[in-house]
């Protein structure tokens, strides 16, 4: 008889736990929040790094470091202005700064 009471108490506890997490399970089907892309104009010097192959980094004038991604002229040592999009949804192999998807590069003096 004690075994029946143990089973009933365990069932009531399980229902109570499930009841508490039910709202969380219901929200799991909602769409993830969209990441807003931020277009930036950066000025600095391009560095070629021998990290995990070859990585290109922009040492910006404000002291921050950005990893340059995409198709762009590989002009290490040049001072440039980069127009691009901050990639907040990306993890890179190089991990040498905030990733930026390059849209255009212009050499400046």
C-alpha atoms as a PDB file:
ATOM      1  CA  UNK A   1       0.000   0.000   0.000  1.00  0.00           C
ATOM      2  CA  UNK A   2       2.881   2.367   0.780  1.00  0.00           C
ATOM      3  CA  UNK A   3       4.188   1.767  -2.758  1.00  0.00           C
ATOM      4  CA  UNK A   4       0.983   3.149  -4.281  1.00  0.00           C
ATOM      5  CA  UNK A   5       1.235   6.321  -2.199  1.00  0.00           C
ATOM      6  CA  UNK A   6       4.859   6.773  -3.279  1.00  0.00           C
ATOM      7  CA  UNK A   7       3.865   6.471  -6.946  1.00  0.00           C
ATOM      8  CA  UNK A   8       1.009   8.975  -6.518  1.00  0.00           C
ATOM      9  CA  UNK A   9       3.242  11.505  -4.742  1.00  0.00           C
ATOM     10  CA  UNK A  10       5.932  11.149  -7.432  1.00  0.00           C
ATOM     11  CA  UNK A  11       3.305  11.638 -10.153  1.00  0.00           C
ATOM     12  CA  UNK A  12       1.973  14.790  -8.474  1.00  0.00           C
ATOM     13  CA  UNK A  13       5.510  16.199  -8.147  1.00  0.00           C
ATOM     14  CA  UNK A  14       6.264  15.399 -11.800  1.00  0.00           C
ATOM     15  CA  UNK A  15       3.083  17.151 -12.915  1.00  0.00           C
ATOM     16  CA  UNK A  16       4.005  20.159 -10.777  1.00  0.00           C
ATOM     17  CA  UNK A  17       7.473  20.396 -12.338  1.00  0.00           C
ATOM     18  CA  UNK A  18       6.081  19.967 -15.852  1.00  0.00           C
ATOM     19  CA  UNK A  19       3.421  22.605 -15.163  1.00  0.00           C
ATOM     20  CA  UNK A  20       6.148  25.136 -14.250  1.00  0.00           C
ATOM     21  CA  UNK A  21       8.167  24.601 -17.446  1.00  0.00           C
ATOM     22  CA  UNK A  22       5.137  24.454 -19.764  1.00  0.00           C
ATOM     23  CA  UNK A  23       5.202  28.211 -20.608  1.00  0.00           C
ATOM     24  CA  UNK A  24       8.873  27.907 -21.572  1.00  0.00           C
ATOM     25  CA  UNK A  25       8.146  24.989 -23.872  1.00  0.00           C
ATOM     26  CA  UNK A  26       5.279  26.910 -25.478  1.00  0.00           C
ATOM     27  CA  UNK A  27       7.606  29.846 -26.319  1.00  0.00           C
ATOM     28  CA  UNK A  28      10.252  27.600 -27.905  1.00  0.00           C
ATOM     29  CA  UNK A  29       8.410  27.691 -31.253  1.00  0.00           C
ATOM     30  CA  UNK A  30       8.602  31.472 -31.543  1.00  0.00           C
ATOM     31  CA  UNK A  31      10.888  33.022 -34.162  1.00  0.00           C
ATOM     32  CA  UNK A  32      14.343  34.164 -33.021  1.00  0.00           C
ATOM     33  CA  UNK A  33      14.964  37.899 -32.894  1.00  0.00           C
ATOM     34  CA  UNK A  34      16.462  39.313 -36.070  1.00  0.00           C
ATOM     35  CA  UNK A  35      19.960  40.730 -35.780  1.00  0.00           C
ATOM     36  CA  UNK A  36      20.180  44.290 -37.050  1.00  0.00           C
ATOM     37  CA  UNK A  37      23.167  44.835 -39.320  1.00  0.00           C
ATOM     38  CA  UNK A  38      25.218  47.908 -38.526  1.00  0.00           C
ATOM     39  CA  UNK A  39      26.965  49.581 -41.463  1.00  0.00           C
ATOM     40  CA  UNK A  40      30.222  51.218 -40.422  1.00  0.00           C
ATOM     41  CA  UNK A  41      32.920  53.393 -41.964  1.00  0.00           C
ATOM     42  CA  UNK A  42      36.300  52.616 -40.425  1.00  0.00           C
ATOM     43  CA  UNK A  43      39.710  54.152 -41.022  1.00  0.00           C
ATOM     44  CA  UNK A  44      42.960  52.478 -40.084  1.00  0.00           C
ATOM     45  CA  UNK A  45      45.852  50.314 -41.229  1.00  0.00           C
ATOM     46  CA  UNK A  46      45.486  46.816 -42.712  1.00  0.00           C
ATOM     47  CA  UNK A  47      47.657  44.093 -41.176  1.00  0.00           C
ATOM     48  CA  UNK A  48      48.266  40.644 -42.629  1.00  0.00           C
ATOM     49  CA  UNK A  49      48.468  38.061 -39.848  1.00  0.00           C
ATOM     50  CA  UNK A  50      49.761  34.501 -40.079  1.00  0.00           C
ATOM     51  CA  UNK A  51      47.015  33.106 -37.865  1.00  0.00           C
ATOM     52  CA  UNK A  52      45.229  29.905 -38.967  1.00  0.00           C
ATOM     53  CA  UNK A  53      46.369  30.517 -42.526  1.00  0.00           C
ATOM     54  CA  UNK A  54      46.129  34.189 -43.410  1.00  0.00           C
ATOM     55  CA  UNK A  55      43.924  36.716 -41.687  1.00  0.00           C
ATOM     56  CA  UNK A  56      43.526  40.418 -42.339  1.00  0.00           C
ATOM     57  CA  UNK A  57      42.980  42.823 -39.507  1.00  0.00           C
ATOM     58  CA  UNK A  58      42.204  46.524 -39.483  1.00  0.00           C
ATOM     59  CA  UNK A  59      43.899  48.484 -36.710  1.00  0.00           C
ATOM     60  CA  UNK A  60      41.449  51.359 -36.609  1.00  0.00           C
ATOM     61  CA  UNK A  61      42.270  54.908 -35.659  1.00  0.00           C
ATOM     62  CA  UNK A  62      40.105  54.595 -32.539  1.00  0.00           C
ATOM     63  CA  UNK A  63      42.305  51.754 -31.213  1.00  0.00           C
ATOM     64  CA  UNK A  64      39.879  48.921 -31.944  1.00  0.00           C
ATOM     65  CA  UNK A  65      40.757  45.865 -34.021  1.00  0.00           C
ATOM     66  CA  UNK A  66      38.519  44.426 -36.726  1.00  0.00           C
ATOM     67  CA  UNK A  67      38.820  41.213 -38.699  1.00  0.00           C
ATOM     68  CA  UNK A  68      38.226  41.925 -42.376  1.00  0.00           C
ATOM     69  CA  UNK A  69      36.053  39.340 -44.141  1.00  0.00           C
ATOM     70  CA  UNK A  70      35.004  38.873 -47.748  1.00  0.00           C
ATOM     71  CA  UNK A  71      36.501  40.009 -51.032  1.00  0.00           C
ATOM     72  CA  UNK A  72      38.679  43.091 -50.768  1.00  0.00           C
ATOM     73  CA  UNK A  73      42.144  44.168 -51.958  1.00  0.00           C
ATOM     74  CA  UNK A  74      44.731  42.459 -49.745  1.00  0.00           C
ATOM     75  CA  UNK A  75      46.896  45.548 -49.215  1.00  0.00           C
ATOM     76  CA  UNK A  76      48.724  45.001 -45.956  1.00  0.00           C
ATOM     77  CA  UNK A  77      50.462  48.022 -44.486  1.00  0.00           C
ATOM     78  CA  UNK A  78      48.214  50.530 -46.272  1.00  0.00           C
ATOM     79  CA  UNK A  79      46.076  53.101 -44.556  1.00  0.00           C
ATOM     80  CA  UNK A  80      42.497  52.598 -45.752  1.00  0.00           C
ATOM     81  CA  UNK A  81      38.896  53.536 -45.235  1.00  0.00           C
ATOM     82  CA  UNK A  82      36.661  50.464 -45.021  1.00  0.00           C
ATOM     83  CA  UNK A  83      32.910  50.463 -45.447  1.00  0.00           C
ATOM     84  CA  UNK A  84      31.302  47.290 -44.156  1.00  0.00           C
ATOM     85  CA  UNK A  85      28.810  45.571 -41.936  1.00  0.00           C
ATOM     86  CA  UNK A  86      29.610  44.488 -38.391  1.00  0.00           C
ATOM     87  CA  UNK A  87      29.072  40.718 -38.307  1.00  0.00           C
ATOM     88  CA  UNK A  88      27.488  40.053 -34.914  1.00  0.00           C
ATOM     89  CA  UNK A  89      26.204  36.643 -35.992  1.00  0.00           C
ATOM     90  CA  UNK A  90      29.568  35.183 -37.027  1.00  0.00           C
ATOM     91  CA  UNK A  91      32.357  33.288 -35.312  1.00  0.00           C
ATOM     92  CA  UNK A  92      35.620  33.232 -37.265  1.00  0.00           C
ATOM     93  CA  UNK A  93      38.623  30.950 -37.282  1.00  0.00           C
ATOM     94  CA  UNK A  94      41.087  33.823 -36.891  1.00  0.00           C
ATOM     95  CA  UNK A  95      39.360  35.622 -33.982  1.00  0.00           C
ATOM     96  CA  UNK A  96      41.584  38.696 -34.281  1.00  0.00           C
ATOM     97  CA  UNK A  97      38.934  41.365 -33.773  1.00  0.00           C
ATOM     98  CA  UNK A  98      35.291  42.210 -34.368  1.00  0.00           C
ATOM     99  CA  UNK A  99      34.374  40.655 -37.749  1.00  0.00           C
ATOM    100  CA  UNK A 100      33.431  43.098 -40.516  1.00  0.00           C
ATOM    101  CA  UNK A 101      31.968  42.025 -43.870  1.00  0.00           C
ATOM    102  CA  UNK A 102      33.801  44.371 -46.211  1.00  0.00           C
ATOM    103  CA  UNK A 103      31.724  46.183 -48.834  1.00  0.00           C
ATOM    104  CA  UNK A 104      34.403  48.579 -50.091  1.00  0.00           C
ATOM    105  CA  UNK A 105      37.973  49.659 -49.414  1.00  0.00           C
ATOM    106  CA  UNK A 106      39.579  52.962 -50.335  1.00  0.00           C
ATOM    107  CA  UNK A 107      43.261  53.780 -49.815  1.00  0.00           C
ATOM    108  CA  UNK A 108      43.752  57.057 -47.899  1.00  0.00           C
ATOM    109  CA  UNK A 109      46.859  59.070 -47.139  1.00  0.00           C
END
